[in-house]
Every structure is written in structure tokens, then in C-alpha cells.
Amino acid sequence: MAAAYDRLSLFLHNPGPVHMAAAERALAYVRGTHDQGLLYCDPGAENQNILTGWVDSDFAADSDTCRIVTGSIMALNSAPVSWRSCHQGGVTFSSSGAEYVGASAVAQ
């Protein structure tokens, strides 16, 4: 949903029919998933306070700017506590460089 919001927000000043259709699809998704959510519970004494993170980057995914799109999620005791999808500031020359930039951004 964050990625859809990110892309749609680029066209707020001059939306066209394609953008309105995409916004309607995003709202339909929200309507269809309103009863789903995150569950936070006690994982037991042996699994207390375990922080896990995942990150993935898409090399030159944005065809307009060739910038890196990075997504990440951090979970505490197997429950998501932070998630993000964003464009990175620079351009890399390889997919491994894109992964490094994404992992570095999440570690910071």
C-alpha cells in the first residue's frame, strides 16, 4: 500500500484517468482488507526481544529516474514494528550496489 501511495502522490497536481483508476484500486484493496491486522503477543521466555530485519532493493526500478527502490521491515518478537519503502538518493551501477545501499540505509 505504501508503494501505491508513493506513486500516486507524484500526480496529485494533475491526475489523469489512469491515476484515478489506480487510486480506486488502492481504495478497493483497503476496503477488502479492513478486518486484517497485526498480532502482537508474548513469544515466550526463550524468544524475548529478538529483533529481525529484512531488506530488498530493486535496481533502477523507477523508469523515470533510474533510482533504487528499497523496501525494509523490522520485526520484534516476530511482530512487525517498522516498515518502509522509499527511493534512495543516488544511482548505482549494479544490482549488488543497490542491495548494499538498501542494507546500509536500514542499518542506519
PDB file of N, CA and C in Angstrom:
ATOM      1  N   MET A   1       0.822  -1.184   0.000  1.00  0.00           N
ATOM      2  CA  MET A   1       0.000   0.000   0.000  1.00  0.00           C
ATOM      3  C   MET A   1       0.871   1.254   0.000  1.00  0.00           C
ATOM      4  N   ALA A   2       1.994   1.203   0.723  1.00  0.00           N
ATOM      5  CA  ALA A   2       2.882   2.361   0.778  1.00  0.00           C
ATOM      6  C   ALA A   2       3.449   2.686  -0.598  1.00  0.00           C
ATOM      7  N   ALA A   3       3.751   1.663  -1.380  1.00  0.00           N
ATOM      8  CA  ALA A   3       4.291   1.892  -2.720  1.00  0.00           C
ATOM      9  C   ALA A   3       3.236   2.533  -3.621  1.00  0.00           C
ATOM     10  N   ALA A   4       1.986   2.094  -3.504  1.00  0.00           N
ATOM     11  CA  ALA A   4       0.906   2.688  -4.300  1.00  0.00           C
ATOM     12  C   ALA A   4       0.715   4.155  -3.921  1.00  0.00           C
ATOM     13  N   TYR A   5       0.728   4.441  -2.628  1.00  0.00           N
ATOM     14  CA  TYR A   5       0.601   5.816  -2.158  1.00  0.00           C
ATOM     15  C   TYR A   5       1.749   6.670  -2.685  1.00  0.00           C
ATOM     16  N   ASP A   6       2.956   6.121  -2.649  1.00  0.00           N
ATOM     17  CA  ASP A   6       4.135   6.837  -3.126  1.00  0.00           C
ATOM     18  C   ASP A   6       3.990   7.214  -4.593  1.00  0.00           C
ATOM     19  N   ARG A   7       3.598   6.258  -5.419  1.00  0.00           N
ATOM     20  CA  ARG A   7       3.473   6.523  -6.855  1.00  0.00           C
ATOM     21  C   ARG A   7       2.312   7.482  -7.150  1.00  0.00           C
ATOM     22  N   LEU A   8       1.179   7.295  -6.489  1.00  0.00           N
ATOM     23  CA  LEU A   8       0.029   8.161  -6.738  1.00  0.00           C
ATOM     24  C   LEU A   8       0.286   9.597  -6.287  1.00  0.00           C
ATOM     25  N   SER A   9       1.073   9.782  -5.242  1.00  0.00           N
ATOM     26  CA  SER A   9       1.323  11.130  -4.738  1.00  0.00           C
ATOM     27  C   SER A   9       2.127  11.977  -5.730  1.00  0.00           C
ATOM     28  N   LEU A  10       2.791  11.340  -6.689  1.00  0.00           N
ATOM     29  CA  LEU A  10       3.536  12.091  -7.698  1.00  0.00           C
ATOM     30  C   LEU A  10       2.618  12.845  -8.660  1.00  0.00           C
ATOM     31  N   PHE A  11       1.352  12.456  -8.714  1.00  0.00           N
ATOM     32  CA  PHE A  11       0.424  13.022  -9.695  1.00  0.00           C
ATOM     33  C   PHE A  11      -0.739  13.772  -9.043  1.00  0.00           C
ATOM     34  N   LEU A  12      -0.535  14.270  -7.840  1.00  0.00           N
ATOM     35  CA  LEU A  12      -1.612  14.971  -7.136  1.00  0.00           C
ATOM     36  C   LEU A  12      -2.053  16.245  -7.834  1.00  0.00           C
ATOM     37  N   HIS A  13      -1.138  16.951  -8.468  1.00  0.00           N
ATOM     38  CA  HIS A  13      -1.473  18.229  -9.077  1.00  0.00           C
ATOM     39  C   HIS A  13      -2.143  18.087 -10.434  1.00  0.00           C
ATOM     40  N   ASN A  14      -1.951  16.965 -11.108  1.00  0.00           N
ATOM     41  CA  ASN A  14      -2.541  16.794 -12.427  1.00  0.00           C
ATOM     42  C   ASN A  14      -2.866  15.318 -12.676  1.00  0.00           C
ATOM     43  N   PRO A  15      -3.819  14.753 -11.910  1.00  0.00           N
ATOM     44  CA  PRO A  15      -4.148  13.340 -12.099  1.00  0.00           C
ATOM     45  C   PRO A  15      -4.948  13.115 -13.376  1.00  0.00           C
ATOM     46  N   GLY A  16      -4.689  11.989 -14.004  1.00  0.00           N
ATOM     47  CA  GLY A  16      -5.429  11.612 -15.196  1.00  0.00           C
ATOM     48  C   GLY A  16      -6.305  10.410 -14.904  1.00  0.00           C
ATOM     49  N   PRO A  17      -7.003   9.905 -15.909  1.00  0.00           N
ATOM     50  CA  PRO A  17      -7.885   8.750 -15.720  1.00  0.00           C
ATOM     51  C   PRO A  17      -7.139   7.514 -15.211  1.00  0.00           C
ATOM     52  N   VAL A  18      -5.921   7.314 -15.659  1.00  0.00           N
ATOM     53  CA  VAL A  18      -5.128   6.164 -15.209  1.00  0.00           C
ATOM     54  C   VAL A  18      -4.835   6.268 -13.712  1.00  0.00           C
ATOM     55  N   HIS A  19      -4.531   7.480 -13.252  1.00  0.00           N
ATOM     56  CA  HIS A  19      -4.214   7.684 -11.844  1.00  0.00           C
ATOM     57  C   HIS A  19      -5.460   7.507 -10.979  1.00  0.00           C
ATOM     58  N   MET A  20      -6.585   7.981 -11.452  1.00  0.00           N
ATOM     59  CA  MET A  20      -7.828   7.822 -10.693  1.00  0.00           C
ATOM     60  C   MET A  20      -8.211   6.347 -10.602  1.00  0.00           C
ATOM     61  N   ALA A  21      -8.012   5.593 -11.677  1.00  0.00           N
ATOM     62  CA  ALA A  21      -8.310   4.157 -11.652  1.00  0.00           C
ATOM     63  C   ALA A  21      -7.385   3.448 -10.660  1.00  0.00           C
ATOM     64  N   ALA A  22      -6.114   3.834 -10.618  1.00  0.00           N
ATOM     65  CA  ALA A  22      -5.176   3.238  -9.667  1.00  0.00           C
ATOM     66  C   ALA A  22      -5.567   3.582  -8.229  1.00  0.00           C
ATOM     67  N   ALA A  23      -6.011   4.809  -8.000  1.00  0.00           N
ATOM     68  CA  ALA A  23      -6.454   5.209  -6.663  1.00  0.00           C
ATOM     69  C   ALA A  23      -7.681   4.415  -6.244  1.00  0.00           C
ATOM     70  N   GLU A  24      -8.609   4.179  -7.161  1.00  0.00           N
ATOM     71  CA  GLU A  24      -9.797   3.375  -6.856  1.00  0.00           C
ATOM     72  C   GLU A  24      -9.414   1.935  -6.527  1.00  0.00           C
ATOM     73  N   ARG A  25      -8.415   1.371  -7.235  1.00  0.00           N
ATOM     74  CA  ARG A  25      -7.943   0.014  -6.923  1.00  0.00           C
ATOM     75  C   ARG A  25      -7.320  -0.028  -5.532  1.00  0.00           C
ATOM     76  N   ALA A  26      -6.552   1.015  -5.185  1.00  0.00           N
ATOM     77  CA  ALA A  26      -5.929   1.069  -3.857  1.00  0.00           C
ATOM     78  C   ALA A  26      -6.999   1.142  -2.765  1.00  0.00           C
ATOM     79  N   LEU A  27      -8.024   1.945  -2.980  1.00  0.00           N
ATOM     80  CA  LEU A  27      -9.115   2.041  -2.002  1.00  0.00           C
ATOM     81  C   LEU A  27      -9.895   0.739  -1.907  1.00  0.00           C
ATOM     82  N   ALA A  28     -10.082   0.057  -3.025  1.00  0.00           N
ATOM     83  CA  ALA A  28     -10.754  -1.243  -3.005  1.00  0.00           C
ATOM     84  C   ALA A  28      -9.950  -2.253  -2.196  1.00  0.00           C
ATOM     85  N   TYR A  29      -8.633  -2.186  -2.311  1.00  0.00           N
ATOM     86  CA  TYR A  29      -7.763  -3.063  -1.518  1.00  0.00           C
ATOM     87  C   TYR A  29      -7.952  -2.780  -0.026  1.00  0.00           C
ATOM     88  N   VAL A  30      -7.977  -1.498   0.349  1.00  0.00           N
ATOM     89  CA  VAL A  30      -8.160  -1.136   1.752  1.00  0.00           C
ATOM     90  C   VAL A  30      -9.520  -1.621   2.251  1.00  0.00           C
ATOM     91  N   ARG A  31     -10.577  -1.428   1.448  1.00  0.00           N
ATOM     92  CA  ARG A  31     -11.907  -1.912   1.833  1.00  0.00           C
ATOM     93  C   ARG A  31     -11.921  -3.423   2.019  1.00  0.00           C
ATOM     94  N   GLY A  32     -11.216  -4.149   1.169  1.00  0.00           N
ATOM     95  CA  GLY A  32     -11.218  -5.607   1.227  1.00  0.00           C
ATOM     96  C   GLY A  32     -10.359  -6.195   2.328  1.00  0.00           C
ATOM     97  N   THR A  33      -9.492  -5.400   2.926  1.00  0.00           N
ATOM     98  CA  THR A  33      -8.588  -5.930   3.951  1.00  0.00           C
ATOM     99  C   THR A  33      -8.743  -5.217   5.288  1.00  0.00           C
ATOM    100  N   HIS A  34      -9.848  -4.513   5.485  1.00  0.00           N
ATOM    101  CA  HIS A  34     -10.012  -3.731   6.713  1.00  0.00           C
ATOM    102  C   HIS A  34     -10.070  -4.598   7.971  1.00  0.00           C
ATOM    103  N   ASP A  35     -10.414  -5.873   7.839  1.00  0.00           N
ATOM    104  CA  ASP A  35     -10.515  -6.747   9.005  1.00  0.00           C
ATOM    105  C   ASP A  35      -9.211  -7.495   9.312  1.00  0.00           C
ATOM    106  N   GLN A  36      -8.157  -7.234   8.546  1.00  0.00           N
ATOM    107  CA  GLN A  36      -6.869  -7.860   8.794  1.00  0.00           C
ATOM    108  C   GLN A  36      -5.984  -6.904   9.582  1.00  0.00           C
ATOM    109  N   GLY A  37      -5.062  -7.451  10.337  1.00  0.00           N
ATOM    110  CA  GLY A  37      -4.203  -6.578  11.130  1.00  0.00           C
ATOM    111  C   GLY A  37      -2.989  -7.319  11.643  1.00  0.00           C
ATOM    112  N   LEU A  38      -2.258  -6.664  12.495  1.00  0.00           N
ATOM    113  CA  LEU A  38      -1.056  -7.226  13.093  1.00  0.00           C
ATOM    114  C   LEU A  38      -1.396  -7.787  14.464  1.00  0.00           C
ATOM    115  N   LEU A  39      -0.759  -8.908  14.811  1.00  0.00           N
ATOM    116  CA  LEU A  39      -0.995  -9.539  16.096  1.00  0.00           C
ATOM    117  C   LEU A  39       0.285  -9.464  16.918  1.00  0.00           C
ATOM    118  N   TYR A  40       0.192  -8.854  18.072  1.00  0.00           N
ATOM    119  CA  TYR A  40       1.325  -8.758  18.983  1.00  0.00           C
ATOM    120  C   TYR A  40       1.008  -9.613  20.212  1.00  0.00           C
ATOM    121  N   CYS A  41       1.892 -10.575  20.508  1.00  0.00           N
ATOM    122  CA  CYS A  41       1.669 -11.448  21.655  1.00  0.00           C
ATOM    123  C   CYS A  41       3.004 -11.789  22.303  1.00  0.00           C
ATOM    124  N   ASP A  42       2.948 -12.405  23.453  1.00  0.00           N
ATOM    125  CA  ASP A  42       4.139 -12.820  24.182  1.00  0.00           C
ATOM    126  C   ASP A  42       4.721 -14.064  23.510  1.00  0.00           C
ATOM    127  N   PRO A  43       5.964 -14.003  22.999  1.00  0.00           N
ATOM    128  CA  PRO A  43       6.541 -15.146  22.288  1.00  0.00           C
ATOM    129  C   PRO A  43       7.121 -16.216  23.208  1.00  0.00           C
ATOM    130  N   GLY A  44       7.085 -16.008  24.488  1.00  0.00           N
ATOM    131  CA  GLY A  44       7.671 -16.955  25.425  1.00  0.00           C
ATOM    132  C   GLY A  44       9.033 -16.472  25.899  1.00  0.00           C
ATOM    133  N   ALA A  45       9.493 -17.024  27.000  1.00  0.00           N
ATOM    134  CA  ALA A  45      10.728 -16.557  27.630  1.00  0.00           C
ATOM    135  C   ALA A  45      11.955 -16.766  26.750  1.00  0.00           C
ATOM    136  N   GLU A  46      12.001 -17.849  25.963  1.00  0.00           N
ATOM    137  CA  GLU A  46      13.191 -18.141  25.164  1.00  0.00           C
ATOM    138  C   GLU A  46      13.303 -17.264  23.919  1.00  0.00           C
ATOM    139  N   ASN A  47      12.260 -16.608  23.504  1.00  0.00           N
ATOM    140  CA  ASN A  47      12.273 -15.792  22.290  1.00  0.00           C
ATOM    141  C   ASN A  47      12.078 -14.299  22.563  1.00  0.00           C
ATOM    142  N   GLN A  48      12.263 -13.858  23.764  1.00  0.00           N
ATOM    143  CA  GLN A  48      12.032 -12.463  24.118  1.00  0.00           C
ATOM    144  C   GLN A  48      13.037 -11.532  23.445  1.00  0.00           C
ATOM    145  N   ASN A  49      12.544 -10.424  22.941  1.00  0.00           N
ATOM    146  CA  ASN A  49      13.348  -9.320  22.412  1.00  0.00           C
ATOM    147  C   ASN A  49      14.330  -9.725  21.318  1.00  0.00           C
ATOM    148  N   ILE A  50      13.842 -10.463  20.355  1.00  0.00           N
ATOM    149  CA  ILE A  50      14.640 -10.819  19.188  1.00  0.00           C
ATOM    150  C   ILE A  50      14.238  -9.878  18.053  1.00  0.00           C
ATOM    151  N   LEU A  51      15.191  -9.054  17.606  1.00  0.00           N
ATOM    152  CA  LEU A  51      14.955  -8.112  16.524  1.00  0.00           C
ATOM    153  C   LEU A  51      15.439  -8.731  15.207  1.00  0.00           C
ATOM    154  N   THR A  52      14.558  -8.786  14.236  1.00  0.00           N
ATOM    155  CA  THR A  52      14.872  -9.357  12.931  1.00  0.00           C
ATOM    156  C   THR A  52      14.550  -8.325  11.866  1.00  0.00           C
ATOM    157  N   GLY A  53      15.382  -8.255  10.840  1.00  0.00           N
ATOM    158  CA  GLY A  53      15.145  -7.297   9.771  1.00  0.00           C
ATOM    159  C   GLY A  53      15.334  -7.911   8.405  1.00  0.00           C
ATOM    160  N   TRP A  54      14.574  -7.431   7.440  1.00  0.00           N
ATOM    161  CA  TRP A  54      14.682  -7.845   6.049  1.00  0.00           C
ATOM    162  C   TRP A  54      14.716  -6.589   5.184  1.00  0.00           C
ATOM    163  N   VAL A  55      15.493  -6.655   4.123  1.00  0.00           N
ATOM    164  CA  VAL A  55      15.587  -5.530   3.199  1.00  0.00           C
ATOM    165  C   VAL A  55      15.718  -6.078   1.782  1.00  0.00           C
ATOM    166  N   ASP A  56      15.143  -5.383   0.828  1.00  0.00           N
ATOM    167  CA  ASP A  56      15.295  -5.745  -0.570  1.00  0.00           C
ATOM    168  C   ASP A  56      15.327  -4.462  -1.389  1.00  0.00           C
ATOM    169  N   SER A  57      16.146  -4.459  -2.414  1.00  0.00           N
ATOM    170  CA  SER A  57      16.265  -3.296  -3.291  1.00  0.00           C
ATOM    171  C   SER A  57      16.014  -3.722  -4.725  1.00  0.00           C
ATOM    172  N   ASP A  58      15.444  -2.805  -5.485  1.00  0.00           N
ATOM    173  CA  ASP A  58      15.167  -3.057  -6.889  1.00  0.00           C
ATOM    174  C   ASP A  58      16.016  -2.091  -7.712  1.00  0.00           C
ATOM    175  N   PHE A  59      16.995  -2.621  -8.405  1.00  0.00           N
ATOM    176  CA  PHE A  59      17.944  -1.820  -9.177  1.00  0.00           C
ATOM    177  C   PHE A  59      17.248  -1.119 -10.335  1.00  0.00           C
ATOM    178  N   ALA A  60      17.308   0.214 -10.367  1.00  0.00           N
ATOM    179  CA  ALA A  60      16.737   1.048 -11.432  1.00  0.00           C
ATOM    180  C   ALA A  60      15.268   0.738 -11.674  1.00  0.00           C
ATOM    181  N   ALA A  61      14.504   0.504 -10.610  1.00  0.00           N
ATOM    182  CA  ALA A  61      13.099   0.144 -10.740  1.00  0.00           C
ATOM    183  C   ALA A  61      12.243   1.301 -11.243  1.00  0.00           C
ATOM    184  N   ASP A  62      12.603   2.512 -10.868  1.00  0.00           N
ATOM    185  CA  ASP A  62      11.847   3.682 -11.303  1.00  0.00           C
ATOM    186  C   ASP A  62      12.327   4.061 -12.703  1.00  0.00           C
ATOM    187  N   SER A  63      11.522   3.773 -13.709  1.00  0.00           N
ATOM    188  CA  SER A  63      11.941   4.008 -15.100  1.00  0.00           C
ATOM    189  C   SER A  63      12.111   5.486 -15.427  1.00  0.00           C
ATOM    190  N   ASP A  64      11.506   6.358 -14.627  1.00  0.00           N
ATOM    191  CA  ASP A  64      11.639   7.796 -14.883  1.00  0.00           C
ATOM    192  C   ASP A  64      12.995   8.341 -14.423  1.00  0.00           C
ATOM    193  N   THR A  65      13.481   7.884 -13.281  1.00  0.00           N
ATOM    194  CA  THR A  65      14.704   8.438 -12.713  1.00  0.00           C
ATOM    195  C   THR A  65      15.843   7.427 -12.594  1.00  0.00           C
ATOM    196  N   CYS A  66      15.576   6.143 -12.812  1.00  0.00           N
ATOM    197  CA  CYS A  66      16.561   5.054 -12.647  1.00  0.00           C
ATOM    198  C   CYS A  66      17.084   4.973 -11.225  1.00  0.00           C
ATOM    199  N   ARG A  67      16.348   5.496 -10.260  1.00  0.00           N
ATOM    200  CA  ARG A  67      16.771   5.427  -8.869  1.00  0.00           C
ATOM    201  C   ARG A  67      16.392   4.085  -8.261  1.00  0.00           C
ATOM    202  N   ILE A  68      17.055   3.745  -7.170  1.00  0.00           N
ATOM    203  CA  ILE A  68      16.846   2.497  -6.468  1.00  0.00           C
ATOM    204  C   ILE A  68      15.588   2.609  -5.609  1.00  0.00           C
ATOM    205  N   VAL A  69      14.752   1.584  -5.632  1.00  0.00           N
ATOM    206  CA  VAL A  69      13.620   1.499  -4.726  1.00  0.00           C
ATOM    207  C   VAL A  69      13.955   0.433  -3.695  1.00  0.00           C
ATOM    208  N   THR A  70      13.925   0.803  -2.418  1.00  0.00           N
ATOM    209  CA  THR A  70      14.274  -0.101  -1.334  1.00  0.00           C
ATOM    210  C   THR A  70      13.085  -0.282  -0.412  1.00  0.00           C
ATOM    211  N   GLY A  71      12.844  -1.523  -0.013  1.00  0.00           N
ATOM    212  CA  GLY A  71      11.809  -1.839   0.960  1.00  0.00           C
ATOM    213  C   GLY A  71      12.439  -2.568   2.128  1.00  0.00           C
ATOM    214  N   SER A  72      11.955  -2.287   3.324  1.00  0.00           N
ATOM    215  CA  SER A  72      12.504  -2.953   4.502  1.00  0.00           C
ATOM    216  C   SER A  72      11.410  -3.169   5.533  1.00  0.00           C
ATOM    217  N   ILE A  73      11.646  -4.145   6.397  1.00  0.00           N
ATOM    218  CA  ILE A  73      10.744  -4.403   7.516  1.00  0.00           C
ATOM    219  C   ILE A  73      11.577  -4.872   8.697  1.00  0.00           C
ATOM    220  N   MET A  74      11.253  -4.377   9.863  1.00  0.00           N
ATOM    221  CA  MET A  74      11.901  -4.791  11.107  1.00  0.00           C
ATOM    222  C   MET A  74      10.821  -5.397  11.991  1.00  0.00           C
ATOM    223  N   ALA A  75      11.140  -6.542  12.603  1.00  0.00           N
ATOM    224  CA  ALA A  75      10.179  -7.244  13.457  1.00  0.00           C
ATOM    225  C   ALA A  75      10.805  -7.491  14.821  1.00  0.00           C
ATOM    226  N   LEU A  76      10.044  -7.276  15.865  1.00  0.00           N
ATOM    227  CA  LEU A  76      10.460  -7.565  17.230  1.00  0.00           C
ATOM    228  C   LEU A  76       9.578  -8.689  17.740  1.00  0.00           C
ATOM    229  N   ASN A  77      10.196  -9.795  18.124  1.00  0.00           N
ATOM    230  CA  ASN A  77       9.460 -10.980  18.573  1.00  0.00           C
ATOM    231  C   ASN A  77       8.475 -11.450  17.505  1.00  0.00           C
ATOM    232  N   SER A  78       8.907 -11.438  16.260  1.00  0.00           N
ATOM    233  CA  SER A  78       8.136 -11.899  15.091  1.00  0.00           C
ATOM    234  C   SER A  78       6.951 -11.012  14.735  1.00  0.00           C
ATOM    235  N   ALA A  79       6.849  -9.835  15.323  1.00  0.00           N
ATOM    236  CA  ALA A  79       5.762  -8.911  15.009  1.00  0.00           C
ATOM    237  C   ALA A  79       6.351  -7.647  14.381  1.00  0.00           C
ATOM    238  N   PRO A  80       5.850  -7.212  13.222  1.00  0.00           N
ATOM    239  CA  PRO A  80       6.392  -6.026  12.563  1.00  0.00           C
ATOM    240  C   PRO A  80       6.254  -4.776  13.433  1.00  0.00           C
ATOM    241  N   VAL A  81       7.335  -4.028  13.545  1.00  0.00           N
ATOM    242  CA  VAL A  81       7.309  -2.778  14.292  1.00  0.00           C
ATOM    243  C   VAL A  81       7.693  -1.583  13.428  1.00  0.00           C
ATOM    244  N   SER A  82       8.329  -1.839  12.274  1.00  0.00           N
ATOM    245  CA  SER A  82       8.722  -0.759  11.384  1.00  0.00           C
ATOM    246  C   SER A  82       8.829  -1.299   9.973  1.00  0.00           C
ATOM    247  N   TRP A  83       8.294  -0.548   9.006  1.00  0.00           N
ATOM    248  CA  TRP A  83       8.415  -0.945   7.612  1.00  0.00           C
ATOM    249  C   TRP A  83       8.504   0.309   6.769  1.00  0.00           C
ATOM    250  N   ARG A  84       9.163   0.175   5.619  1.00  0.00           N
ATOM    251  CA  ARG A  84       9.416   1.365   4.807  1.00  0.00           C
ATOM    252  C   ARG A  84       9.658   0.971   3.359  1.00  0.00           C
ATOM    253  N   SER A  85       9.235   1.804   2.461  1.00  0.00           N
ATOM    254  CA  SER A  85       9.546   1.685   1.045  1.00  0.00           C
ATOM    255  C   SER A  85       9.903   3.084   0.566  1.00  0.00           C
ATOM    256  N   CYS A  86      11.073   3.228  -0.070  1.00  0.00           N
ATOM    257  CA  CYS A  86      11.493   4.568  -0.469  1.00  0.00           C
ATOM    258  C   CYS A  86      12.469   4.514  -1.642  1.00  0.00           C
ATOM    259  N   HIS A  87      12.642   5.663  -2.267  1.00  0.00           N
ATOM    260  CA  HIS A  87      13.660   5.832  -3.303  1.00  0.00           C
ATOM    261  C   HIS A  87      14.960   6.235  -2.613  1.00  0.00           C
ATOM    262  N   GLN A  88      16.057   5.644  -3.036  1.00  0.00           N
ATOM    263  CA  GLN A  88      17.355   6.022  -2.485  1.00  0.00           C
ATOM    264  C   GLN A  88      17.870   7.268  -3.210  1.00  0.00           C
ATOM    265  N   GLY A  89      18.809   7.938  -2.585  1.00  0.00           N
ATOM    266  CA  GLY A  89      19.284   9.217  -3.082  1.00  0.00           C
ATOM    267  C   GLY A  89      20.142   9.168  -4.332  1.00  0.00           C
ATOM    268  N   GLY A  90      20.794   8.073  -4.597  1.00  0.00           N
ATOM    269  CA  GLY A  90      21.723   8.039  -5.724  1.00  0.00           C
ATOM    270  C   GLY A  90      21.399   6.949  -6.717  1.00  0.00           C
ATOM    271  N   VAL A  91      22.273   6.818  -7.697  1.00  0.00           N
ATOM    272  CA  VAL A  91      22.140   5.793  -8.728  1.00  0.00           C
ATOM    273  C   VAL A  91      23.348   4.873  -8.602  1.00  0.00           C
ATOM    274  N   THR A  92      23.130   3.564  -8.640  1.00  0.00           N
ATOM    275  CA  THR A  92      24.236   2.620  -8.605  1.00  0.00           C
ATOM    276  C   THR A  92      24.410   2.000  -9.984  1.00  0.00           C
ATOM    277  N   PHE A  93      25.526   1.319 -10.158  1.00  0.00           N
ATOM    278  CA  PHE A  93      25.834   0.721 -11.455  1.00  0.00           C
ATOM    279  C   PHE A  93      25.567  -0.785 -11.502  1.00  0.00           C
ATOM    280  N   SER A  94      25.081  -1.354 -10.403  1.00  0.00           N
ATOM    281  CA  SER A  94      24.810  -2.792 -10.378  1.00  0.00           C
ATOM    282  C   SER A  94      23.725  -3.105  -9.359  1.00  0.00           C
ATOM    283  N   SER A  95      23.150  -4.296  -9.493  1.00  0.00           N
ATOM    284  CA  SER A  95      22.127  -4.709  -8.538  1.00  0.00           C
ATOM    285  C   SER A  95      22.739  -4.990  -7.167  1.00  0.00           C
ATOM    286  N   SER A  96      23.990  -5.473  -7.137  1.00  0.00           N
ATOM    287  CA  SER A  96      24.635  -5.700  -5.836  1.00  0.00           C
ATOM    288  C   SER A  96      24.897  -4.364  -5.127  1.00  0.00           C
ATOM    289  N   GLY A  97      25.214  -3.325  -5.882  1.00  0.00           N
ATOM    290  CA  GLY A  97      25.369  -1.993  -5.297  1.00  0.00           C
ATOM    291  C   GLY A  97      24.057  -1.485  -4.724  1.00  0.00           C
ATOM    292  N   ALA A  98      22.960  -1.766  -5.425  1.00  0.00           N
ATOM    293  CA  ALA A  98      21.633  -1.363  -4.946  1.00  0.00           C
ATOM    294  C   ALA A  98      21.305  -2.075  -3.640  1.00  0.00           C
ATOM    295  N   GLU A  99      21.629  -3.363  -3.542  1.00  0.00           N
ATOM    296  CA  GLU A  99      21.382  -4.112  -2.311  1.00  0.00           C
ATOM    297  C   GLU A  99      22.213  -3.548  -1.161  1.00  0.00           C
ATOM    298  N   TYR A 100      23.467  -3.206  -1.434  1.00  0.00           N
ATOM    299  CA  TYR A 100      24.339  -2.637  -0.408  1.00  0.00           C
ATOM    300  C   TYR A 100      23.796  -1.306   0.098  1.00  0.00           C
ATOM    301  N   VAL A 101      23.364  -0.444  -0.809  1.00  0.00           N
ATOM    302  CA  VAL A 101      22.820   0.856  -0.430  1.00  0.00           C
ATOM    303  C   VAL A 101      21.567   0.664   0.414  1.00  0.00           C
ATOM    304  N   GLY A 102      20.701  -0.272   0.027  1.00  0.00           N
ATOM    305  CA  GLY A 102      19.480  -0.531   0.789  1.00  0.00           C
ATOM    306  C   GLY A 102      19.771  -1.060   2.187  1.00  0.00           C
ATOM    307  N   ALA A 103      20.694  -2.017   2.290  1.00  0.00           N
ATOM    308  CA  ALA A 103      21.049  -2.585   3.585  1.00  0.00           C
ATOM    309  C   ALA A 103      21.689  -1.525   4.473  1.00  0.00           C
ATOM    310  N   SER A 104      22.504  -0.671   3.898  1.00  0.00           N
ATOM    311  CA  SER A 104      23.146   0.399   4.662  1.00  0.00           C
ATOM    312  C   SER A 104      22.114   1.381   5.200  1.00  0.00           C
ATOM    313  N   ALA A 105      21.124   1.722   4.388  1.00  0.00           N
ATOM    314  CA  ALA A 105      20.078   2.657   4.820  1.00  0.00           C
ATOM    315  C   ALA A 105      19.271   2.082   5.975  1.00  0.00           C
ATOM    316  N   VAL A 106      18.963   0.792   5.929  1.00  0.00           N
ATOM    317  CA  VAL A 106      18.189   0.167   7.006  1.00  0.00           C
ATOM    318  C   VAL A 106      19.022   0.073   8.270  1.00  0.00           C
ATOM    319  N   ALA A 107      20.309  -0.233   8.139  1.00  0.00           N
ATOM    320  CA  ALA A 107      21.171  -0.337   9.313  1.00  0.00           C
ATOM    321  C   ALA A 107      21.306   1.005  10.021  1.00  0.00           C
ATOM    322  N   GLN A 108      21.244   2.099   9.279  1.00  0.00           N
ATOM    323  CA  GLN A 108      21.356   3.415   9.894  1.00  0.00           C
ATOM    324  C   GLN A 108      20.140   3.719  10.716  1.00  0.00           C
TER     325      GLN A 108
END
